[in-house]
Amino acid sequence: MTIVNQGTISGGMSGDGAARADAITFSGGTNALTLSSGGTVGTLTGGIGISGSLSIDPGGTSSVTLANIIHDGPNGAGSLTVTGNGTLTLTGTNTYTASMSTASWARSHMRPSSSRVSYVVLAA
């Protein structure tokens, strides 16, 4: 599945309004998520579940902060690859157990952005 987000994607709310469903759940296979296109950064409200593989591209040369919780999907842990030329900052309290990498052609490095389990990916 390939998603290019230029709008808003939100998970539904529970009946009591206390819990929100995932904005997106990738349940297997090869998937791609582009967070901005044409200068417009999309909005995600809710978590991101990953089973299978997911490539996240900030979109162009954008700098995008993703505060969503990224977690293992319903079919087990997948893999996460950051691609593209933009800068992606992950600030959510991520619980996924998948591997995380950058595309081999992108010179990047990762470092903790706080005491939480999150990372900043800086494109070279």
PDB file of N, CA and C in Angstrom:
ATOM      1  N   MET A   1       0.837  -1.156   0.000  1.00  0.00           N
ATOM      2  CA  MET A   1       0.000   0.000   0.000  1.00  0.00           C
ATOM      3  C   MET A   1       0.893   1.233   0.000  1.00  0.00           C
ATOM      4  N   THR A   2       0.539   2.237  -0.758  1.00  0.00           N
ATOM      5  CA  THR A   2       1.263   3.497  -0.795  1.00  0.00           C
ATOM      6  C   THR A   2       0.309   4.619  -0.434  1.00  0.00           C
ATOM      7  N   ILE A   3       0.710   5.440   0.545  1.00  0.00           N
ATOM      8  CA  ILE A   3      -0.113   6.569   0.978  1.00  0.00           C
ATOM      9  C   ILE A   3       0.729   7.830   0.877  1.00  0.00           C
ATOM     10  N   VAL A   4       0.198   8.861   0.203  1.00  0.00           N
ATOM     11  CA  VAL A   4       0.803  10.187   0.178  1.00  0.00           C
ATOM     12  C   VAL A   4      -0.179  11.099   0.887  1.00  0.00           C
ATOM     13  N   ASN A   5       0.221  11.604   2.069  1.00  0.00           N
ATOM     14  CA  ASN A   5      -0.699  12.369   2.907  1.00  0.00           C
ATOM     15  C   ASN A   5      -0.520  13.866   2.702  1.00  0.00           C
ATOM     16  N   GLN A   6      -1.554  14.506   2.149  1.00  0.00           N
ATOM     17  CA  GLN A   6      -1.589  15.951   2.006  1.00  0.00           C
ATOM     18  C   GLN A   6      -2.770  16.529   2.779  1.00  0.00           C
ATOM     19  N   GLY A   7      -3.434  15.703   3.566  1.00  0.00           N
ATOM     20  CA  GLY A   7      -4.613  16.150   4.304  1.00  0.00           C
ATOM     21  C   GLY A   7      -4.551  15.678   5.737  1.00  0.00           C
ATOM     22  N   THR A   8      -5.666  15.128   6.214  1.00  0.00           N
ATOM     23  CA  THR A   8      -5.752  14.647   7.592  1.00  0.00           C
ATOM     24  C   THR A   8      -6.222  13.206   7.595  1.00  0.00           C
ATOM     25  N   ILE A   9      -5.492  12.348   8.331  1.00  0.00           N
ATOM     26  CA  ILE A   9      -5.891  10.961   8.534  1.00  0.00           C
ATOM     27  C   ILE A   9      -6.013  10.774  10.041  1.00  0.00           C
ATOM     28  N   SER A  10      -7.202  10.384  10.505  1.00  0.00           N
ATOM     29  CA  SER A  10      -7.439  10.231  11.944  1.00  0.00           C
ATOM     30  C   SER A  10      -8.066   8.895  12.251  1.00  0.00           C
ATOM     31  N   GLY A  11      -7.610   8.282  13.356  1.00  0.00           N
ATOM     32  CA  GLY A  11      -8.261   7.091  13.868  1.00  0.00           C
ATOM     33  C   GLY A  11      -9.538   7.500  14.588  1.00  0.00           C
ATOM     34  N   GLY A  12     -10.536   6.632  14.577  1.00  0.00           N
ATOM     35  CA  GLY A  12     -11.807   6.926  15.234  1.00  0.00           C
ATOM     36  C   GLY A  12     -11.679   6.930  16.757  1.00  0.00           C
ATOM     37  N   MET A  13     -12.619   7.580  17.411  1.00  0.00           N
ATOM     38  CA  MET A  13     -12.652   7.641  18.871  1.00  0.00           C
ATOM     39  C   MET A  13     -13.559   6.543  19.421  1.00  0.00           C
ATOM     40  N   SER A  14     -13.204   6.068  20.622  1.00  0.00           N
ATOM     41  CA  SER A  14     -14.061   5.085  21.295  1.00  0.00           C
ATOM     42  C   SER A  14     -15.338   5.775  21.750  1.00  0.00           C
ATOM     43  N   GLY A  15     -16.331   4.984  22.128  1.00  0.00           N
ATOM     44  CA  GLY A  15     -17.617   5.525  22.551  1.00  0.00           C
ATOM     45  C   GLY A  15     -17.519   6.499  23.713  1.00  0.00           C
ATOM     46  N   ASP A  16     -16.560   6.272  24.630  1.00  0.00           N
ATOM     47  CA  ASP A  16     -16.415   7.174  25.775  1.00  0.00           C
ATOM     48  C   ASP A  16     -15.498   8.356  25.466  1.00  0.00           C
ATOM     49  N   GLY A  17     -14.931   8.404  24.243  1.00  0.00           N
ATOM     50  CA  GLY A  17     -14.078   9.510  23.837  1.00  0.00           C
ATOM     51  C   GLY A  17     -12.695   9.501  24.475  1.00  0.00           C
ATOM     52  N   ALA A  18     -12.333   8.415  25.139  1.00  0.00           N
ATOM     53  CA  ALA A  18     -11.056   8.364  25.859  1.00  0.00           C
ATOM     54  C   ALA A  18      -9.927   7.748  25.044  1.00  0.00           C
ATOM     55  N   ALA A  19     -10.240   6.878  24.111  1.00  0.00           N
ATOM     56  CA  ALA A  19      -9.201   6.177  23.352  1.00  0.00           C
ATOM     57  C   ALA A  19      -9.388   6.433  21.859  1.00  0.00           C
ATOM     58  N   ARG A  20      -8.274   6.530  21.152  1.00  0.00           N
ATOM     59  CA  ARG A  20      -8.313   6.746  19.710  1.00  0.00           C
ATOM     60  C   ARG A  20      -7.685   5.547  19.016  1.00  0.00           C
ATOM     61  N   ALA A  21      -8.310   5.121  17.946  1.00  0.00           N
ATOM     62  CA  ALA A  21      -7.764   4.033  17.115  1.00  0.00           C
ATOM     63  C   ALA A  21      -6.574   4.555  16.319  1.00  0.00           C
ATOM     64  N   ASP A  22      -5.794   3.633  15.748  1.00  0.00           N
ATOM     65  CA  ASP A  22      -4.671   4.021  14.903  1.00  0.00           C
ATOM     66  C   ASP A  22      -5.143   4.862  13.727  1.00  0.00           C
ATOM     67  N   ALA A  23      -4.307   5.812  13.335  1.00  0.00           N
ATOM     68  CA  ALA A  23      -4.562   6.560  12.107  1.00  0.00           C
ATOM     69  C   ALA A  23      -4.382   5.621  10.916  1.00  0.00           C
ATOM     70  N   ILE A  24      -3.321   4.782  10.979  1.00  0.00           N
ATOM     71  CA  ILE A  24      -3.020   3.842   9.906  1.00  0.00           C
ATOM     72  C   ILE A  24      -2.469   2.563  10.521  1.00  0.00           C
ATOM     73  N   THR A  25      -2.926   1.422  10.026  1.00  0.00           N
ATOM     74  CA  THR A  25      -2.337   0.143  10.410  1.00  0.00           C
ATOM     75  C   THR A  25      -1.919  -0.583   9.134  1.00  0.00           C
ATOM     76  N   PHE A  26      -0.625  -0.853   9.029  1.00  0.00           N
ATOM     77  CA  PHE A  26      -0.086  -1.620   7.910  1.00  0.00           C
ATOM     78  C   PHE A  26      -0.004  -3.060   8.377  1.00  0.00           C
ATOM     79  N   SER A  27      -0.833  -3.945   7.805  1.00  0.00           N
ATOM     80  CA  SER A  27      -0.976  -5.299   8.338  1.00  0.00           C
ATOM     81  C   SER A  27      -0.094  -6.334   7.653  1.00  0.00           C
ATOM     82  N   GLY A  28       0.762  -5.937   6.744  1.00  0.00           N
ATOM     83  CA  GLY A  28       1.683  -6.859   6.088  1.00  0.00           C
ATOM     84  C   GLY A  28       2.085  -6.328   4.729  1.00  0.00           C
ATOM     85  N   GLY A  29       2.980  -7.036   4.073  1.00  0.00           N
ATOM     86  CA  GLY A  29       3.421  -6.648   2.742  1.00  0.00           C
ATOM     87  C   GLY A  29       4.396  -5.494   2.774  1.00  0.00           C
ATOM     88  N   THR A  30       4.556  -4.862   1.614  1.00  0.00           N
ATOM     89  CA  THR A  30       5.468  -3.739   1.441  1.00  0.00           C
ATOM     90  C   THR A  30       4.647  -2.467   1.354  1.00  0.00           C
ATOM     91  N   ASN A  31       4.963  -1.500   2.211  1.00  0.00           N
ATOM     92  CA  ASN A  31       4.158  -0.288   2.320  1.00  0.00           C
ATOM     93  C   ASN A  31       5.035   0.950   2.273  1.00  0.00           C
ATOM     94  N   ALA A  32       4.437   2.078   1.848  1.00  0.00           N
ATOM     95  CA  ALA A  32       5.153   3.353   1.796  1.00  0.00           C
ATOM     96  C   ALA A  32       4.231   4.455   2.281  1.00  0.00           C
ATOM     97  N   LEU A  33       4.784   5.351   3.099  1.00  0.00           N
ATOM     98  CA  LEU A  33       4.040   6.489   3.616  1.00  0.00           C
ATOM     99  C   LEU A  33       4.858   7.746   3.362  1.00  0.00           C
ATOM    100  N   THR A  34       4.317   8.670   2.557  1.00  0.00           N
ATOM    101  CA  THR A  34       4.946   9.961   2.316  1.00  0.00           C
ATOM    102  C   THR A  34       4.164  10.986   3.111  1.00  0.00           C
ATOM    103  N   LEU A  35       4.877  11.748   3.956  1.00  0.00           N
ATOM    104  CA  LEU A  35       4.219  12.633   4.912  1.00  0.00           C
ATOM    105  C   LEU A  35       3.889  14.010   4.370  1.00  0.00           C
ATOM    106  N   SER A  36       4.452  14.393   3.226  1.00  0.00           N
ATOM    107  CA  SER A  36       4.125  15.678   2.623  1.00  0.00           C
ATOM    108  C   SER A  36       4.359  15.601   1.124  1.00  0.00           C
ATOM    109  N   SER A  37       3.675  16.478   0.415  1.00  0.00           N
ATOM    110  CA  SER A  37       3.821  16.513  -1.039  1.00  0.00           C
ATOM    111  C   SER A  37       3.441  17.907  -1.524  1.00  0.00           C
ATOM    112  N   GLY A  38       4.202  18.430  -2.437  1.00  0.00           N
ATOM    113  CA  GLY A  38       3.875  19.741  -2.993  1.00  0.00           C
ATOM    114  C   GLY A  38       3.891  20.843  -1.958  1.00  0.00           C
ATOM    115  N   GLY A  39       4.716  20.705  -0.914  1.00  0.00           N
ATOM    116  CA  GLY A  39       4.807  21.730   0.122  1.00  0.00           C
ATOM    117  C   GLY A  39       3.745  21.632   1.196  1.00  0.00           C
ATOM    118  N   THR A  40       2.810  20.684   1.085  1.00  0.00           N
ATOM    119  CA  THR A  40       1.754  20.517   2.080  1.00  0.00           C
ATOM    120  C   THR A  40       2.063  19.315   2.953  1.00  0.00           C
ATOM    121  N   VAL A  41       2.197  19.539   4.261  1.00  0.00           N
ATOM    122  CA  VAL A  41       2.453  18.463   5.212  1.00  0.00           C
ATOM    123  C   VAL A  41       1.128  17.952   5.729  1.00  0.00           C
ATOM    124  N   GLY A  42       0.896  16.650   5.599  1.00  0.00           N
ATOM    125  CA  GLY A  42      -0.339  16.050   6.075  1.00  0.00           C
ATOM    126  C   GLY A  42      -0.333  15.884   7.585  1.00  0.00           C
ATOM    127  N   THR A  43      -1.501  15.591   8.144  1.00  0.00           N
ATOM    128  CA  THR A  43      -1.657  15.405   9.580  1.00  0.00           C
ATOM    129  C   THR A  43      -2.121  13.983   9.847  1.00  0.00           C
ATOM    130  N   LEU A  44      -1.507  13.331  10.833  1.00  0.00           N
ATOM    131  CA  LEU A  44      -1.929  12.008  11.291  1.00  0.00           C
ATOM    132  C   LEU A  44      -2.332  12.128  12.754  1.00  0.00           C
ATOM    133  N   THR A  45      -3.534  11.675  13.097  1.00  0.00           N
ATOM    134  CA  THR A  45      -3.992  11.675  14.480  1.00  0.00           C
ATOM    135  C   THR A  45      -4.310  10.244  14.864  1.00  0.00           C
ATOM    136  N   GLY A  46      -3.522   9.693  15.769  1.00  0.00           N
ATOM    137  CA  GLY A  46      -3.630   8.292  16.150  1.00  0.00           C
ATOM    138  C   GLY A  46      -2.319   7.592  15.854  1.00  0.00           C
ATOM    139  N   GLY A  47      -2.181   6.375  16.324  1.00  0.00           N
ATOM    140  CA  GLY A  47      -0.940   5.629  16.164  1.00  0.00           C
ATOM    141  C   GLY A  47      -0.721   5.111  14.759  1.00  0.00           C
ATOM    142  N   ILE A  48       0.454   4.488  14.570  1.00  0.00           N
ATOM    143  CA  ILE A  48       0.801   3.833  13.317  1.00  0.00           C
ATOM    144  C   ILE A  48       1.255   2.425  13.662  1.00  0.00           C
ATOM    145  N   GLY A  49       0.489   1.416  13.221  1.00  0.00           N
ATOM    146  CA  GLY A  49       0.843   0.017  13.452  1.00  0.00           C
ATOM    147  C   GLY A  49       1.591  -0.534  12.259  1.00  0.00           C
ATOM    148  N   ILE A  50       2.698  -1.267  12.521  1.00  0.00           N
ATOM    149  CA  ILE A  50       3.510  -1.789  11.419  1.00  0.00           C
ATOM    150  C   ILE A  50       3.681  -3.295  11.536  1.00  0.00           C
ATOM    151  N   SER A  51       3.149  -4.025  10.568  1.00  0.00           N
ATOM    152  CA  SER A  51       3.499  -5.421  10.279  1.00  0.00           C
ATOM    153  C   SER A  51       3.950  -5.385   8.826  1.00  0.00           C
ATOM    154  N   GLY A  52       4.871  -6.224   8.428  1.00  0.00           N
ATOM    155  CA  GLY A  52       5.422  -6.127   7.076  1.00  0.00           C
ATOM    156  C   GLY A  52       6.497  -5.067   7.070  1.00  0.00           C
ATOM    157  N   SER A  53       6.665  -4.392   5.955  1.00  0.00           N
ATOM    158  CA  SER A  53       7.694  -3.352   5.877  1.00  0.00           C
ATOM    159  C   SER A  53       7.048  -2.013   5.581  1.00  0.00           C
ATOM    160  N   LEU A  54       7.611  -0.961   6.166  1.00  0.00           N
ATOM    161  CA  LEU A  54       7.115   0.390   5.938  1.00  0.00           C
ATOM    162  C   LEU A  54       8.293   1.303   5.650  1.00  0.00           C
ATOM    163  N   SER A  55       8.207   2.036   4.537  1.00  0.00           N
ATOM    164  CA  SER A  55       9.162   3.093   4.210  1.00  0.00           C
ATOM    165  C   SER A  55       8.467   4.414   4.461  1.00  0.00           C
ATOM    166  N   ILE A  56       9.072   5.255   5.300  1.00  0.00           N
ATOM    167  CA  ILE A  56       8.523   6.586   5.565  1.00  0.00           C
ATOM    168  C   ILE A  56       9.416   7.615   4.888  1.00  0.00           C
ATOM    169  N   ASP A  57       8.801   8.477   4.081  1.00  0.00           N
ATOM    170  CA  ASP A  57       9.497   9.552   3.389  1.00  0.00           C
ATOM    171  C   ASP A  57       8.906  10.869   3.882  1.00  0.00           C
ATOM    172  N   PRO A  58       9.735  11.767   4.458  1.00  0.00           N
ATOM    173  CA  PRO A  58       9.194  13.057   4.896  1.00  0.00           C
ATOM    174  C   PRO A  58       8.576  13.837   3.744  1.00  0.00           C
ATOM    175  N   GLY A  59       9.014  13.591   2.530  1.00  0.00           N
ATOM    176  CA  GLY A  59       8.467  14.261   1.354  1.00  0.00           C
ATOM    177  C   GLY A  59       9.349  15.402   0.904  1.00  0.00           C
ATOM    178  N   GLY A  60       9.959  15.253  -0.253  1.00  0.00           N
ATOM    179  CA  GLY A  60      10.813  16.307  -0.792  1.00  0.00           C
ATOM    180  C   GLY A  60      11.945  16.632   0.150  1.00  0.00           C
ATOM    181  N   THR A  61      12.147  17.927   0.367  1.00  0.00           N
ATOM    182  CA  THR A  61      13.187  18.377   1.290  1.00  0.00           C
ATOM    183  C   THR A  61      12.559  18.900   2.576  1.00  0.00           C
ATOM    184  N   SER A  62      11.345  18.469   2.873  1.00  0.00           N
ATOM    185  CA  SER A  62      10.622  18.939   4.047  1.00  0.00           C
ATOM    186  C   SER A  62      11.273  18.480   5.342  1.00  0.00           C
ATOM    187  N   SER A  63      10.997  19.220   6.390  1.00  0.00           N
ATOM    188  CA  SER A  63      11.343  18.815   7.742  1.00  0.00           C
ATOM    189  C   SER A  63      10.018  18.502   8.437  1.00  0.00           C
ATOM    190  N   VAL A  64       9.837  17.239   8.816  1.00  0.00           N
ATOM    191  CA  VAL A  64       8.558  16.792   9.373  1.00  0.00           C
ATOM    192  C   VAL A  64       8.784  16.170  10.739  1.00  0.00           C
ATOM    193  N   THR A  65       7.927  16.533  11.698  1.00  0.00           N
ATOM    194  CA  THR A  65       7.942  15.908  13.015  1.00  0.00           C
ATOM    195  C   THR A  65       6.746  14.981  13.104  1.00  0.00           C
ATOM    196  N   LEU A  66       7.001  13.740  13.475  1.00  0.00           N
ATOM    197  CA  LEU A  66       5.957  12.731  13.602  1.00  0.00           C
ATOM    198  C   LEU A  66       5.861  12.362  15.086  1.00  0.00           C
ATOM    199  N   ALA A  67       4.793  12.823  15.746  1.00  0.00           N
ATOM    200  CA  ALA A  67       4.623  12.604  17.184  1.00  0.00           C
ATOM    201  C   ALA A  67       3.771  11.375  17.487  1.00  0.00           C
ATOM    202  N   ASN A  68       3.316  10.701  16.458  1.00  0.00           N
ATOM    203  CA  ASN A  68       2.468   9.529  16.636  1.00  0.00           C
ATOM    204  C   ASN A  68       3.238   8.382  17.272  1.00  0.00           C
ATOM    205  N   ILE A  69       2.541   7.541  18.018  1.00  0.00           N
ATOM    206  CA  ILE A  69       3.147   6.330  18.567  1.00  0.00           C
ATOM    207  C   ILE A  69       3.216   5.299  17.449  1.00  0.00           C
ATOM    208  N   ILE A  70       4.411   4.799  17.185  1.00  0.00           N
ATOM    209  CA  ILE A  70       4.599   3.751  16.191  1.00  0.00           C
ATOM    210  C   ILE A  70       4.761   2.448  16.952  1.00  0.00           C
ATOM    211  N   HIS A  71       3.966   1.440  16.606  1.00  0.00           N
ATOM    212  CA  HIS A  71       3.965   0.184  17.362  1.00  0.00           C
ATOM    213  C   HIS A  71       3.855  -1.004  16.418  1.00  0.00           C
ATOM    214  N   ASP A  72       4.132  -2.201  16.960  1.00  0.00           N
ATOM    215  CA  ASP A  72       3.983  -3.424  16.167  1.00  0.00           C
ATOM    216  C   ASP A  72       2.529  -3.568  15.728  1.00  0.00           C
ATOM    217  N   GLY A  73       2.333  -4.022  14.508  1.00  0.00           N
ATOM    218  CA  GLY A  73       0.991  -4.211  13.974  1.00  0.00           C
ATOM    219  C   GLY A  73       0.360  -5.500  14.445  1.00  0.00           C
ATOM    220  N   PRO A  74      -0.845  -5.785  13.977  1.00  0.00           N
ATOM    221  CA  PRO A  74      -1.597  -6.952  14.433  1.00  0.00           C
ATOM    222  C   PRO A  74      -0.985  -8.288  14.013  1.00  0.00           C
ATOM    223  N   ASN A  75      -0.126  -8.272  13.008  1.00  0.00           N
ATOM    224  CA  ASN A  75       0.493  -9.508  12.526  1.00  0.00           C
ATOM    225  C   ASN A  75       1.961  -9.601  12.926  1.00  0.00           C
ATOM    226  N   GLY A  76       2.342  -8.949  14.011  1.00  0.00           N
ATOM    227  CA  GLY A  76       3.722  -8.985  14.490  1.00  0.00           C
ATOM    228  C   GLY A  76       4.521  -7.794  14.018  1.00  0.00           C
ATOM    229  N   ALA A  77       5.774  -7.765  14.439  1.00  0.00           N
ATOM    230  CA  ALA A  77       6.655  -6.646  14.126  1.00  0.00           C
ATOM    231  C   ALA A  77       7.049  -6.655  12.653  1.00  0.00           C
ATOM    232  N   GLY A  78       7.200  -5.478  12.114  1.00  0.00           N
ATOM    233  CA  GLY A  78       7.674  -5.316  10.749  1.00  0.00           C
ATOM    234  C   GLY A  78       8.997  -4.593  10.759  1.00  0.00           C
ATOM    235  N   SER A  79       9.323  -3.940   9.651  1.00  0.00           N
ATOM    236  CA  SER A  79      10.553  -3.157   9.579  1.00  0.00           C
ATOM    237  C   SER A  79      10.211  -1.742   9.137  1.00  0.00           C
ATOM    238  N   LEU A  80      11.024  -0.809   9.562  1.00  0.00           N
ATOM    239  CA  LEU A  80      10.813   0.603   9.270  1.00  0.00           C
ATOM    240  C   LEU A  80      12.062   1.154   8.612  1.00  0.00           C
ATOM    241  N   THR A  81      11.898   1.777   7.444  1.00  0.00           N
ATOM    242  CA  THR A  81      13.005   2.397   6.728  1.00  0.00           C
ATOM    243  C   THR A  81      12.645   3.842   6.457  1.00  0.00           C
ATOM    244  N   VAL A  82      13.571   4.743   6.737  1.00  0.00           N
ATOM    245  CA  VAL A  82      13.376   6.149   6.426  1.00  0.00           C
ATOM    246  C   VAL A  82      14.055   6.419   5.093  1.00  0.00           C
ATOM    247  N   THR A  83      13.315   6.999   4.160  1.00  0.00           N
ATOM    248  CA  THR A  83      13.834   7.263   2.819  1.00  0.00           C
ATOM    249  C   THR A  83      13.682   8.749   2.505  1.00  0.00           C
ATOM    250  N   GLY A  84      14.159   9.155   1.364  1.00  0.00           N
ATOM    251  CA  GLY A  84      13.967  10.525   0.900  1.00  0.00           C
ATOM    252  C   GLY A  84      15.056  11.465   1.375  1.00  0.00           C
ATOM    253  N   ASN A  85      14.891  12.743   1.028  1.00  0.00           N
ATOM    254  CA  ASN A  85      15.890  13.759   1.318  1.00  0.00           C
ATOM    255  C   ASN A  85      15.514  14.685   2.455  1.00  0.00           C
ATOM    256  N   GLY A  86      14.313  14.575   2.985  1.00  0.00           N
ATOM    257  CA  GLY A  86      13.873  15.453   4.060  1.00  0.00           C
ATOM    258  C   GLY A  86      14.397  15.012   5.409  1.00  0.00           C
ATOM    259  N   THR A  87      14.021  15.750   6.433  1.00  0.00           N
ATOM    260  CA  THR A  87      14.395  15.435   7.807  1.00  0.00           C
ATOM    261  C   THR A  87      13.157  14.948   8.537  1.00  0.00           C
ATOM    262  N   LEU A  88      13.268  13.812   9.186  1.00  0.00           N
ATOM    263  CA  LEU A  88      12.156  13.235   9.930  1.00  0.00           C
ATOM    264  C   LEU A  88      12.541  13.169  11.401  1.00  0.00           C
ATOM    265  N   THR A  89      11.715  13.775  12.246  1.00  0.00           N
ATOM    266  CA  THR A  89      11.923  13.723  13.687  1.00  0.00           C
ATOM    267  C   THR A  89      10.792  12.911  14.289  1.00  0.00           C
ATOM    268  N   LEU A  90      11.130  11.830  14.998  1.00  0.00           N
ATOM    269  CA  LEU A  90      10.144  10.996  15.672  1.00  0.00           C
ATOM    270  C   LEU A  90      10.154  11.357  17.151  1.00  0.00           C
ATOM    271  N   THR A  91       9.014  11.846  17.665  1.00  0.00           N
ATOM    272  CA  THR A  91       8.961  12.279  19.061  1.00  0.00           C
ATOM    273  C   THR A  91       7.964  11.487  19.901  1.00  0.00           C
ATOM    274  N   GLY A  92       7.260  10.545  19.297  1.00  0.00           N
ATOM    275  CA  GLY A  92       6.297   9.738  20.043  1.00  0.00           C
ATOM    276  C   GLY A  92       7.004   8.720  20.928  1.00  0.00           C
ATOM    277  N   THR A  93       6.273   8.188  21.889  1.00  0.00           N
ATOM    278  CA  THR A  93       6.799   7.131  22.745  1.00  0.00           C
ATOM    279  C   THR A  93       6.588   5.822  22.006  1.00  0.00           C
ATOM    280  N   ASN A  94       7.495   5.537  21.084  1.00  0.00           N
ATOM    281  CA  ASN A  94       7.344   4.410  20.166  1.00  0.00           C
ATOM    282  C   ASN A  94       7.614   3.086  20.863  1.00  0.00           C
ATOM    283  N   THR A  95       6.784   2.089  20.540  1.00  0.00           N
ATOM    284  CA  THR A  95       6.908   0.782  21.179  1.00  0.00           C
ATOM    285  C   THR A  95       7.176  -0.338  20.185  1.00  0.00           C
ATOM    286  N   TYR A  96       7.420  -0.010  18.923  1.00  0.00           N
ATOM    287  CA  TYR A  96       7.639  -1.064  17.942  1.00  0.00           C
ATOM    288  C   TYR A  96       8.957  -1.775  18.242  1.00  0.00           C
ATOM    289  N   THR A  97       8.999  -3.050  17.894  1.00  0.00           N
ATOM    290  CA  THR A  97      10.211  -3.838  18.098  1.00  0.00           C
ATOM    291  C   THR A  97      10.897  -4.125  16.769  1.00  0.00           C
ATOM    292  N   ALA A  98      10.396  -3.520  15.715  1.00  0.00           N
ATOM    293  CA  ALA A  98      10.941  -3.726  14.374  1.00  0.00           C
ATOM    294  C   ALA A  98      12.312  -3.086  14.243  1.00  0.00           C
ATOM    295  N   SER A  99      13.036  -3.515  13.215  1.00  0.00           N
ATOM    296  CA  SER A  99      14.300  -2.863  12.908  1.00  0.00           C
ATOM    297  C   SER A  99      14.007  -1.506  12.276  1.00  0.00           C
ATOM    298  N   MET A 100      14.941  -0.574  12.443  1.00  0.00           N
ATOM    299  CA  MET A 100      14.805   0.736  11.813  1.00  0.00           C
ATOM    300  C   MET A 100      16.093   1.034  11.088  1.00  0.00           C
ATOM    301  N   SER A 101      15.980   1.495   9.845  1.00  0.00           N
ATOM    302  CA  SER A 101      17.173   1.809   9.072  1.00  0.00           C
ATOM    303  C   SER A 101      16.898   2.996   8.170  1.00  0.00           C
ATOM    304  N   THR A 102      17.961   3.480   7.548  1.00  0.00           N
ATOM    305  CA  THR A 102      17.815   4.504   6.526  1.00  0.00           C
ATOM    306  C   THR A 102      18.187   3.868   5.204  1.00  0.00           C
ATOM    307  N   ALA A 103      17.646   4.390   4.136  1.00  0.00           N
ATOM    308  CA  ALA A 103      17.964   3.848   2.813  1.00  0.00           C
ATOM    309  C   ALA A 103      19.464   3.925   2.598  1.00  0.00           C
ATOM    310  N   SER A 104      20.032   2.942   1.929  1.00  0.00           N
ATOM    311  CA  SER A 104      21.481   2.846   1.790  1.00  0.00           C
ATOM    312  C   SER A 104      22.079   4.059   1.084  1.00  0.00           C
ATOM    313  N   TRP A 105      21.335   4.744   0.243  1.00  0.00           N
ATOM    314  CA  TRP A 105      21.866   5.888  -0.479  1.00  0.00           C
ATOM    315  C   TRP A 105      21.769   7.178   0.330  1.00  0.00           C
ATOM    316  N   ALA A 106      21.042   7.157   1.453  1.00  0.00           N
ATOM    317  CA  ALA A 106      20.884   8.363   2.269  1.00  0.00           C
ATOM    318  C   ALA A 106      21.910   8.356   3.393  1.00  0.00           C
ATOM    319  N   ARG A 107      22.712   9.409   3.479  1.00  0.00           N
ATOM    320  CA  ARG A 107      23.649   9.520   4.594  1.00  0.00           C
ATOM    321  C   ARG A 107      22.892  10.141   5.747  1.00  0.00           C
ATOM    322  N   SER A 108      22.639   9.369   6.773  1.00  0.00           N
ATOM    323  CA  SER A 108      21.854   9.835   7.910  1.00  0.00           C
ATOM    324  C   SER A 108      22.438   9.263   9.178  1.00  0.00           C
ATOM    325  N   HIS A 109      22.025   9.811  10.296  1.00  0.00           N
ATOM    326  CA  HIS A 109      22.344   9.192  11.570  1.00  0.00           C
ATOM    327  C   HIS A 109      21.178   9.396  12.513  1.00  0.00           C
ATOM    328  N   MET A 110      21.110   8.545  13.525  1.00  0.00           N
ATOM    329  CA  MET A 110      20.012   8.600  14.481  1.00  0.00           C
ATOM    330  C   MET A 110      20.590   8.821  15.867  1.00  0.00           C
ATOM    331  N   ARG A 111      19.858   9.562  16.682  1.00  0.00           N
ATOM    332  CA  ARG A 111      20.246   9.753  18.073  1.00  0.00           C
ATOM    333  C   ARG A 111      18.976   9.943  18.885  1.00  0.00           C
ATOM    334  N   PRO A 112      19.003   9.612  20.170  1.00  0.00           N
ATOM    335  CA  PRO A 112      17.818   9.825  21.002  1.00  0.00           C
ATOM    336  C   PRO A 112      17.477  11.306  21.057  1.00  0.00           C
ATOM    337  N   SER A 113      16.192  11.650  20.938  1.00  0.00           N
ATOM    338  CA  SER A 113      15.773  13.045  21.017  1.00  0.00           C
ATOM    339  C   SER A 113      15.376  13.418  22.440  1.00  0.00           C
ATOM    340  N   SER A 114      15.190  12.450  23.306  1.00  0.00           N
ATOM    341  CA  SER A 114      14.861  12.690  24.711  1.00  0.00           C
ATOM    342  C   SER A 114      15.026  11.376  25.446  1.00  0.00           C
ATOM    343  N   SER A 115      14.572  11.335  26.671  1.00  0.00           N
ATOM    344  CA  SER A 115      14.677  10.095  27.431  1.00  0.00           C
ATOM    345  C   SER A 115      13.651   9.061  26.978  1.00  0.00           C
ATOM    346  N   ARG A 116      12.692   9.476  26.165  1.00  0.00           N
ATOM    347  CA  ARG A 116      11.707   8.536  25.638  1.00  0.00           C
ATOM    348  C   ARG A 116      12.325   7.689  24.535  1.00  0.00           C
ATOM    349  N   VAL A 117      11.645   6.622  24.158  1.00  0.00           N
ATOM    350  CA  VAL A 117      12.128   5.779  23.062  1.00  0.00           C
ATOM    351  C   VAL A 117      11.714   6.449  21.760  1.00  0.00           C
ATOM    352  N   SER A 118      12.536   7.357  21.298  1.00  0.00           N
ATOM    353  CA  SER A 118      12.251   8.058  20.054  1.00  0.00           C
ATOM    354  C   SER A 118      13.578   8.473  19.441  1.00  0.00           C
ATOM    355  N   TYR A 119      13.560   8.819  18.173  1.00  0.00           N
ATOM    356  CA  TYR A 119      14.789   9.109  17.460  1.00  0.00           C
ATOM    357  C   TYR A 119      14.624  10.306  16.567  1.00  0.00           C
ATOM    358  N   VAL A 120      15.724  10.972  16.323  1.00  0.00           N
ATOM    359  CA  VAL A 120      15.769  12.038  15.340  1.00  0.00           C
ATOM    360  C   VAL A 120      16.592  11.508  14.177  1.00  0.00           C
ATOM    361  N   VAL A 121      16.069  11.600  12.991  1.00  0.00           N
ATOM    362  CA  VAL A 121      16.799  11.177  11.810  1.00  0.00           C
ATOM    363  C   VAL A 121      17.164  12.446  11.048  1.00  0.00           C
ATOM    364  N   LEU A 122      18.444  12.660  10.870  1.00  0.00           N
ATOM    365  CA  LEU A 122      18.906  13.876  10.193  1.00  0.00           C
ATOM    366  C   LEU A 122      19.453  13.511   8.828  1.00  0.00           C
ATOM    367  N   ALA A 123      18.849  14.072   7.792  1.00  0.00           N
ATOM    368  CA  ALA A 123      19.343  13.813   6.430  1.00  0.00           C
ATOM    369  C   ALA A 123      20.586  14.630   6.191  1.00  0.00           C
ATOM    370  N   ALA A 124      21.545  14.043   5.526  1.00  0.00           N
ATOM    371  CA  ALA A 124      22.808  14.752   5.250  1.00  0.00           C
ATOM    372  C   ALA A 124      22.637  15.684   4.079  1.00  0.00           C
TER     373      ALA A 124
END
